[in-house]
C-alpha cells in the first residue's frame, strides 16, 4: 500500500489471483482497502492521535461520507 491510502482504494496485484481455468498462469487479485478506526483507546493512544491531528491539520473530505477524517475521529471519541 502507498502512504496515505484511504478507505475504498483498490489495488490490483497482477498474477496474484486465482489460477486461470484452461489456461496457464494466474489472474489478477483486486484488493479493496477498509481502514478501521479503533473506538476504545488508552489515554496514551488518545493523546497521540490528538497530537497527530494538530500536526496534520485539515485533511481532504472523505469521498464516501463527505465528512473529514478528523471529524469522524472526534465523533468516535464522543467529542
PDB file of N, CA and C in Angstrom:
ATOM      1  N   UNK A   1       0.835  -1.182   0.000  1.00  0.00           N
ATOM      2  CA  UNK A   1       0.000   0.000   0.000  1.00  0.00           C
ATOM      3  C   UNK A   1       0.880   1.245   0.000  1.00  0.00           C
ATOM      4  N   UNK A   2       0.326   2.277  -0.548  1.00  0.00           N
ATOM      5  CA  UNK A   2       1.005   3.557  -0.586  1.00  0.00           C
ATOM      6  C   UNK A   2       0.684   4.339   0.684  1.00  0.00           C
ATOM      7  N   UNK A   3       1.607   5.174   1.164  1.00  0.00           N
ATOM      8  CA  UNK A   3       1.290   6.032   2.312  1.00  0.00           C
ATOM      9  C   UNK A   3       0.078   6.907   1.984  1.00  0.00           C
ATOM     10  N   UNK A   4      -0.796   7.078   2.949  1.00  0.00           N
ATOM     11  CA  UNK A   4      -1.988   7.905   2.744  1.00  0.00           C
ATOM     12  C   UNK A   4      -3.143   7.178   2.087  1.00  0.00           C
ATOM     13  N   UNK A   5      -3.054   5.863   1.953  1.00  0.00           N
ATOM     14  CA  UNK A   5      -4.136   5.090   1.345  1.00  0.00           C
ATOM     15  C   UNK A   5      -5.408   5.260   2.161  1.00  0.00           C
ATOM     16  N   UNK A   6      -6.527   5.509   1.489  1.00  0.00           N
ATOM     17  CA  UNK A   6      -7.796   5.760   2.143  1.00  0.00           C
ATOM     18  C   UNK A   6      -8.744   4.582   1.949  1.00  0.00           C
ATOM     19  N   UNK A   7      -9.781   4.523   2.780  1.00  0.00           N
ATOM     20  CA  UNK A   7     -10.817   3.512   2.643  1.00  0.00           C
ATOM     21  C   UNK A   7     -11.423   3.587   1.253  1.00  0.00           C
ATOM     22  N   UNK A   8     -11.642   2.434   0.648  1.00  0.00           N
ATOM     23  CA  UNK A   8     -12.249   2.374  -0.675  1.00  0.00           C
ATOM     24  C   UNK A   8     -11.233   2.267  -1.802  1.00  0.00           C
ATOM     25  N   UNK A   9      -9.956   2.513  -1.528  1.00  0.00           N
ATOM     26  CA  UNK A   9      -8.936   2.384  -2.562  1.00  0.00           C
ATOM     27  C   UNK A   9      -8.842   0.926  -3.001  1.00  0.00           C
ATOM     28  N   UNK A  10      -8.611   0.703  -4.291  1.00  0.00           N
ATOM     29  CA  UNK A  10      -8.492  -0.645  -4.820  1.00  0.00           C
ATOM     30  C   UNK A  10      -7.118  -0.784  -5.464  1.00  0.00           C
ATOM     31  N   UNK A  11      -6.427  -1.853  -5.097  1.00  0.00           N
ATOM     32  CA  UNK A  11      -5.135  -2.157  -5.687  1.00  0.00           C
ATOM     33  C   UNK A  11      -5.257  -3.435  -6.500  1.00  0.00           C
ATOM     34  N   UNK A  12      -4.579  -3.474  -7.658  1.00  0.00           N
ATOM     35  CA  UNK A  12      -4.562  -4.683  -8.481  1.00  0.00           C
ATOM     36  C   UNK A  12      -3.178  -5.310  -8.377  1.00  0.00           C
ATOM     37  N   UNK A  13      -3.152  -6.571  -7.962  1.00  0.00           N
ATOM     38  CA  UNK A  13      -1.904  -7.309  -7.856  1.00  0.00           C
ATOM     39  C   UNK A  13      -1.863  -8.290  -9.026  1.00  0.00           C
ATOM     40  N   UNK A  14      -1.111  -7.937 -10.036  1.00  0.00           N
ATOM     41  CA  UNK A  14      -1.049  -8.740 -11.262  1.00  0.00           C
ATOM     42  C   UNK A  14      -0.464 -10.124 -10.992  1.00  0.00           C
ATOM     43  N   UNK A  15      -1.172 -11.137 -11.493  1.00  0.00           N
ATOM     44  CA  UNK A  15      -0.687 -12.506 -11.390  1.00  0.00           C
ATOM     45  C   UNK A  15      -0.784 -13.123 -10.010  1.00  0.00           C
ATOM     46  N   UNK A  16      -1.478 -12.472  -9.082  1.00  0.00           N
ATOM     47  CA  UNK A  16      -1.586 -12.986  -7.708  1.00  0.00           C
ATOM     48  C   UNK A  16      -2.983 -13.539  -7.400  1.00  0.00           C
ATOM     49  N   UNK A  17      -3.855 -13.597  -8.378  1.00  0.00           N
ATOM     50  CA  UNK A  17      -5.217 -14.080  -8.170  1.00  0.00           C
ATOM     51  C   UNK A  17      -5.338 -15.579  -8.363  1.00  0.00           C
ATOM     52  N   UNK A  18      -6.550 -16.026  -8.658  1.00  0.00           N
ATOM     53  CA  UNK A  18      -6.833 -17.455  -8.852  1.00  0.00           C
ATOM     54  C   UNK A  18      -6.222 -17.955 -10.161  1.00  0.00           C
ATOM     55  N   UNK A  19      -5.938 -19.278 -10.209  1.00  0.00           N
ATOM     56  CA  UNK A  19      -5.438 -19.856 -11.463  1.00  0.00           C
ATOM     57  C   UNK A  19      -6.501 -19.721 -12.552  1.00  0.00           C
ATOM     58  N   UNK A  20      -6.059 -19.492 -13.769  1.00  0.00           N
ATOM     59  CA  UNK A  20      -6.984 -19.386 -14.905  1.00  0.00           C
ATOM     60  C   UNK A  20      -7.400 -20.784 -15.353  1.00  0.00           C
ATOM     61  N   UNK A  21      -8.693 -20.992 -15.490  1.00  0.00           N
ATOM     62  CA  UNK A  21      -9.216 -22.302 -15.892  1.00  0.00           C
ATOM     63  C   UNK A  21      -8.922 -22.514 -17.375  1.00  0.00           C
ATOM     64  N   UNK A  22      -8.270 -23.618 -17.692  1.00  0.00           N
ATOM     65  CA  UNK A  22      -7.989 -23.959 -19.082  1.00  0.00           C
ATOM     66  C   UNK A  22      -6.859 -23.154 -19.691  1.00  0.00           C
ATOM     67  N   UNK A  23      -6.214 -22.314 -18.919  1.00  0.00           N
ATOM     68  CA  UNK A  23      -5.102 -21.505 -19.410  1.00  0.00           C
ATOM     69  C   UNK A  23      -3.965 -21.589 -18.414  1.00  0.00           C
ATOM     70  N   UNK A  24      -2.831 -21.134 -18.806  1.00  0.00           N
ATOM     71  CA  UNK A  24      -1.713 -21.090 -17.878  1.00  0.00           C
ATOM     72  C   UNK A  24      -1.731 -19.776 -17.104  1.00  0.00           C
ATOM     73  N   UNK A  25      -1.048 -19.766 -15.989  1.00  0.00           N
ATOM     74  CA  UNK A  25      -0.908 -18.538 -15.215  1.00  0.00           C
ATOM     75  C   UNK A  25      -2.049 -18.273 -14.258  1.00  0.00           C
ATOM     76  N   UNK A  26      -1.993 -17.111 -13.681  1.00  0.00           N
ATOM     77  CA  UNK A  26      -3.000 -16.697 -12.701  1.00  0.00           C
ATOM     78  C   UNK A  26      -3.604 -15.355 -13.119  1.00  0.00           C
ATOM     79  N   UNK A  27      -4.787 -15.124 -12.618  1.00  0.00           N
ATOM     80  CA  UNK A  27      -5.437 -13.839 -12.858  1.00  0.00           C
ATOM     81  C   UNK A  27      -4.928 -12.785 -11.885  1.00  0.00           C
ATOM     82  N   UNK A  28      -5.532 -11.619 -11.929  1.00  0.00           N
ATOM     83  CA  UNK A  28      -5.150 -10.528 -11.044  1.00  0.00           C
ATOM     84  C   UNK A  28      -5.990 -10.570  -9.771  1.00  0.00           C
ATOM     85  N   UNK A  29      -5.383 -10.210  -8.664  1.00  0.00           N
ATOM     86  CA  UNK A  29      -6.077 -10.109  -7.389  1.00  0.00           C
ATOM     87  C   UNK A  29      -6.378  -8.632  -7.147  1.00  0.00           C
ATOM     88  N   UNK A  30      -7.643  -8.304  -6.925  1.00  0.00           N
ATOM     89  CA  UNK A  30      -8.050  -6.928  -6.629  1.00  0.00           C
ATOM     90  C   UNK A  30      -8.312  -6.836  -5.131  1.00  0.00           C
ATOM     91  N   UNK A  31      -7.652  -5.889  -4.481  1.00  0.00           N
ATOM     92  CA  UNK A  31      -7.765  -5.724  -3.038  1.00  0.00           C
ATOM     93  C   UNK A  31      -8.375  -4.365  -2.740  1.00  0.00           C
ATOM     94  N   UNK A  32      -9.493  -4.360  -2.013  1.00  0.00           N
ATOM     95  CA  UNK A  32     -10.138  -3.111  -1.598  1.00  0.00           C
ATOM     96  C   UNK A  32      -9.747  -2.838  -0.152  1.00  0.00           C
ATOM     97  N   UNK A  33      -9.302  -1.620   0.122  1.00  0.00           N
ATOM     98  CA  UNK A  33      -8.826  -1.243   1.448  1.00  0.00           C
ATOM     99  C   UNK A  33      -9.990  -0.751   2.301  1.00  0.00           C
ATOM    100  N   UNK A  34     -10.037  -1.234   3.530  1.00  0.00           N
ATOM    101  CA  UNK A  34     -11.011  -0.745   4.505  1.00  0.00           C
ATOM    102  C   UNK A  34     -10.220  -0.354   5.753  1.00  0.00           C
ATOM    103  N   UNK A  35     -10.183   0.936   6.038  1.00  0.00           N
ATOM    104  CA  UNK A  35      -9.431   1.429   7.188  1.00  0.00           C
ATOM    105  C   UNK A  35     -10.332   1.393   8.408  1.00  0.00           C
ATOM    106  N   UNK A  36      -9.846   0.791   9.475  1.00  0.00           N
ATOM    107  CA  UNK A  36     -10.600   0.655  10.714  1.00  0.00           C
ATOM    108  C   UNK A  36     -10.043   1.626  11.740  1.00  0.00           C
ATOM    109  N   UNK A  37     -10.918   2.355  12.378  1.00  0.00           N
ATOM    110  CA  UNK A  37     -10.525   3.273  13.446  1.00  0.00           C
ATOM    111  C   UNK A  37     -11.005   2.691  14.764  1.00  0.00           C
ATOM    112  N   UNK A  38     -10.089   2.437  15.700  1.00  0.00           N
ATOM    113  CA  UNK A  38     -10.497   1.854  16.980  1.00  0.00           C
ATOM    114  C   UNK A  38     -11.381   2.814  17.777  1.00  0.00           C
ATOM    115  N   UNK A  39     -12.285   2.247  18.560  1.00  0.00           N
ATOM    116  CA  UNK A  39     -13.185   3.083  19.363  1.00  0.00           C
ATOM    117  C   UNK A  39     -12.775   3.124  20.832  1.00  0.00           C
ATOM    118  N   UNK A  40     -12.034   2.118  21.284  1.00  0.00           N
ATOM    119  CA  UNK A  40     -11.572   2.104  22.674  1.00  0.00           C
ATOM    120  C   UNK A  40     -10.063   2.284  22.673  1.00  0.00           C
ATOM    121  N   UNK A  41      -9.607   3.390  23.233  1.00  0.00           N
ATOM    122  CA  UNK A  41      -8.184   3.708  23.260  1.00  0.00           C
ATOM    123  C   UNK A  41      -7.713   3.940  24.688  1.00  0.00           C
ATOM    124  N   UNK A  42      -6.436   3.699  24.910  1.00  0.00           N
ATOM    125  CA  UNK A  42      -5.849   4.070  26.192  1.00  0.00           C
ATOM    126  C   UNK A  42      -5.655   5.584  26.188  1.00  0.00           C
ATOM    127  N   UNK A  43      -5.392   6.144  27.341  1.00  0.00           N
ATOM    128  CA  UNK A  43      -5.150   7.583  27.429  1.00  0.00           C
ATOM    129  C   UNK A  43      -3.952   7.983  26.572  1.00  0.00           C
ATOM    130  N   UNK A  44      -2.928   7.148  26.552  1.00  0.00           N
ATOM    131  CA  UNK A  44      -1.734   7.444  25.752  1.00  0.00           C
ATOM    132  C   UNK A  44      -2.048   7.418  24.254  1.00  0.00           C
ATOM    133  N   UNK A  45      -2.828   6.426  23.800  1.00  0.00           N
ATOM    134  CA  UNK A  45      -3.202   6.346  22.392  1.00  0.00           C
ATOM    135  C   UNK A  45      -4.030   7.557  21.977  1.00  0.00           C
ATOM    136  N   UNK A  46      -4.964   7.939  22.825  1.00  0.00           N
ATOM    137  CA  UNK A  46      -5.812   9.093  22.548  1.00  0.00           C
ATOM    138  C   UNK A  46      -4.970  10.371  22.425  1.00  0.00           C
ATOM    139  N   UNK A  47      -4.038  10.556  23.360  1.00  0.00           N
ATOM    140  CA  UNK A  47      -3.169  11.739  23.333  1.00  0.00           C
ATOM    141  C   UNK A  47      -2.325  11.767  22.058  1.00  0.00           C
ATOM    142  N   UNK A  48      -1.831  10.604  21.649  1.00  0.00           N
ATOM    143  CA  UNK A  48      -1.028  10.541  20.431  1.00  0.00           C
ATOM    144  C   UNK A  48      -1.848  10.890  19.197  1.00  0.00           C
ATOM    145  N   UNK A  49      -3.090  10.393  19.116  1.00  0.00           N
ATOM    146  CA  UNK A  49      -3.948  10.725  17.977  1.00  0.00           C
ATOM    147  C   UNK A  49      -4.319  12.206  17.962  1.00  0.00           C
ATOM    148  N   UNK A  50      -4.559  12.764  19.127  1.00  0.00           N
ATOM    149  CA  UNK A  50      -4.862  14.191  19.197  1.00  0.00           C
ATOM    150  C   UNK A  50      -3.651  15.031  18.786  1.00  0.00           C
ATOM    151  N   UNK A  51      -2.463  14.574  19.170  1.00  0.00           N
ATOM    152  CA  UNK A  51      -1.238  15.261  18.772  1.00  0.00           C
ATOM    153  C   UNK A  51      -1.063  15.179  17.248  1.00  0.00           C
ATOM    154  N   UNK A  52      -1.333  14.027  16.679  1.00  0.00           N
ATOM    155  CA  UNK A  52      -1.250  13.862  15.231  1.00  0.00           C
ATOM    156  C   UNK A  52      -2.235  14.785  14.515  1.00  0.00           C
ATOM    157  N   UNK A  53      -3.442  14.915  15.061  1.00  0.00           N
ATOM    158  CA  UNK A  53      -4.445  15.796  14.460  1.00  0.00           C
ATOM    159  C   UNK A  53      -3.953  17.238  14.414  1.00  0.00           C
ATOM    160  N   UNK A  54      -3.263  17.675  15.451  1.00  0.00           N
ATOM    161  CA  UNK A  54      -2.731  19.037  15.479  1.00  0.00           C
ATOM    162  C   UNK A  54      -1.640  19.224  14.430  1.00  0.00           C
ATOM    163  N   UNK A  55      -0.782  18.225  14.273  1.00  0.00           N
ATOM    164  CA  UNK A  55       0.328  18.304  13.331  1.00  0.00           C
ATOM    165  C   UNK A  55      -0.163  18.216  11.886  1.00  0.00           C
ATOM    166  N   UNK A  56      -1.120  17.333  11.634  1.00  0.00           N
ATOM    167  CA  UNK A  56      -1.600  17.097  10.277  1.00  0.00           C
ATOM    168  C   UNK A  56      -2.422  18.252   9.723  1.00  0.00           C
ATOM    169  N   UNK A  57      -3.152  18.934  10.557  1.00  0.00           N
ATOM    170  CA  UNK A  57      -4.018  19.992  10.057  1.00  0.00           C
ATOM    171  C   UNK A  57      -5.290  19.430   9.466  1.00  0.00           C
ATOM    172  N   UNK A  58      -5.864  20.135   8.529  1.00  0.00           N
ATOM    173  CA  UNK A  58      -7.151  19.775   7.952  1.00  0.00           C
ATOM    174  C   UNK A  58      -6.977  18.887   6.727  1.00  0.00           C
ATOM    175  N   UNK A  59      -7.417  17.619   6.777  1.00  0.00           N
ATOM    176  CA  UNK A  59      -7.327  16.726   5.626  1.00  0.00           C
ATOM    177  C   UNK A  59      -8.451  16.987   4.628  1.00  0.00           C
ATOM    178  N   UNK A  60      -8.364  16.352   3.465  1.00  0.00           N
ATOM    179  CA  UNK A  60      -9.415  16.487   2.461  1.00  0.00           C
ATOM    180  C   UNK A  60     -10.658  15.723   2.905  1.00  0.00           C
ATOM    181  N   UNK A  61     -11.800  16.069   2.322  1.00  0.00           N
ATOM    182  CA  UNK A  61     -13.067  15.429   2.687  1.00  0.00           C
ATOM    183  C   UNK A  61     -13.064  13.966   2.266  1.00  0.00           C
ATOM    184  N   UNK A  62     -13.695  13.134   3.057  1.00  0.00           N
ATOM    185  CA  UNK A  62     -13.822  11.715   2.752  1.00  0.00           C
ATOM    186  C   UNK A  62     -14.822  11.541   1.615  1.00  0.00           C
ATOM    187  N   UNK A  63     -14.467  10.770   0.606  1.00  0.00           N
ATOM    188  CA  UNK A  63     -15.315  10.598  -0.577  1.00  0.00           C
ATOM    189  C   UNK A  63     -16.631   9.901  -0.271  1.00  0.00           C
ATOM    190  N   UNK A  64     -16.630   9.006   0.701  1.00  0.00           N
ATOM    191  CA  UNK A  64     -17.817   8.178   0.929  1.00  0.00           C
ATOM    192  C   UNK A  64     -18.846   8.840   1.835  1.00  0.00           C
ATOM    193  N   UNK A  65     -18.409   9.616   2.812  1.00  0.00           N
ATOM    194  CA  UNK A  65     -19.363  10.170   3.760  1.00  0.00           C
ATOM    195  C   UNK A  65     -19.456  11.680   3.690  1.00  0.00           C
ATOM    196  N   UNK A  66     -18.500  12.321   3.025  1.00  0.00           N
ATOM    197  CA  UNK A  66     -18.486  13.774   2.967  1.00  0.00           C
ATOM    198  C   UNK A  66     -17.943  14.405   4.237  1.00  0.00           C
ATOM    199  N   UNK A  67     -17.545  13.578   5.221  1.00  0.00           N
ATOM    200  CA  UNK A  67     -17.011  14.099   6.468  1.00  0.00           C
ATOM    201  C   UNK A  67     -15.493  14.039   6.425  1.00  0.00           C
ATOM    202  N   UNK A  68     -14.889  14.967   7.086  1.00  0.00           N
ATOM    203  CA  UNK A  68     -13.436  14.940   7.168  1.00  0.00           C
ATOM    204  C   UNK A  68     -13.009  13.873   8.164  1.00  0.00           C
ATOM    205  N   UNK A  69     -11.840  13.331   7.944  1.00  0.00           N
ATOM    206  CA  UNK A  69     -11.340  12.245   8.782  1.00  0.00           C
ATOM    207  C   UNK A  69     -11.315  12.617  10.247  1.00  0.00           C
ATOM    208  N   UNK A  70     -10.789  13.784  10.568  1.00  0.00           N
ATOM    209  CA  UNK A  70     -10.651  14.165  11.974  1.00  0.00           C
ATOM    210  C   UNK A  70     -12.013  14.419  12.617  1.00  0.00           C
ATOM    211  N   UNK A  71     -13.013  14.854  11.829  1.00  0.00           N
ATOM    212  CA  UNK A  71     -14.373  14.993  12.365  1.00  0.00           C
ATOM    213  C   UNK A  71     -14.919  13.624  12.744  1.00  0.00           C
ATOM    214  N   UNK A  72     -14.651  12.626  11.885  1.00  0.00           N
ATOM    215  CA  UNK A  72     -15.092  11.275  12.184  1.00  0.00           C
ATOM    216  C   UNK A  72     -14.387  10.735  13.418  1.00  0.00           C
ATOM    217  N   UNK A  73     -13.109  11.044  13.544  1.00  0.00           N
ATOM    218  CA  UNK A  73     -12.343  10.611  14.699  1.00  0.00           C
ATOM    219  C   UNK A  73     -12.883  11.241  15.985  1.00  0.00           C
ATOM    220  N   UNK A  74     -13.189  12.547  15.926  1.00  0.00           N
ATOM    221  CA  UNK A  74     -13.757  13.214  17.110  1.00  0.00           C
ATOM    222  C   UNK A  74     -15.107  12.593  17.490  1.00  0.00           C
ATOM    223  N   UNK A  75     -15.919  12.278  16.499  1.00  0.00           N
ATOM    224  CA  UNK A  75     -17.212  11.648  16.786  1.00  0.00           C
ATOM    225  C   UNK A  75     -17.025  10.286  17.433  1.00  0.00           C
ATOM    226  N   UNK A  76     -16.009   9.544  16.979  1.00  0.00           N
ATOM    227  CA  UNK A  76     -15.746   8.236  17.562  1.00  0.00           C
ATOM    228  C   UNK A  76     -15.367   8.342  19.037  1.00  0.00           C
ATOM    229  N   UNK A  77     -14.744   9.469  19.409  1.00  0.00           N
ATOM    230  CA  UNK A  77     -14.334   9.682  20.793  1.00  0.00           C
ATOM    231  C   UNK A  77     -15.390  10.433  21.601  1.00  0.00           C
ATOM    232  N   UNK A  78     -16.510  10.752  20.941  1.00  0.00           N
ATOM    233  CA  UNK A  78     -17.589  11.433  21.656  1.00  0.00           C
ATOM    234  C   UNK A  78     -17.324  12.899  21.935  1.00  0.00           C
ATOM    235  N   UNK A  79     -16.570  13.533  21.045  1.00  0.00           N
ATOM    236  CA  UNK A  79     -16.269  14.968  21.215  1.00  0.00           C
ATOM    237  C   UNK A  79     -16.975  15.793  20.200  1.00  0.00           C
TER     238      UNK A  79
END
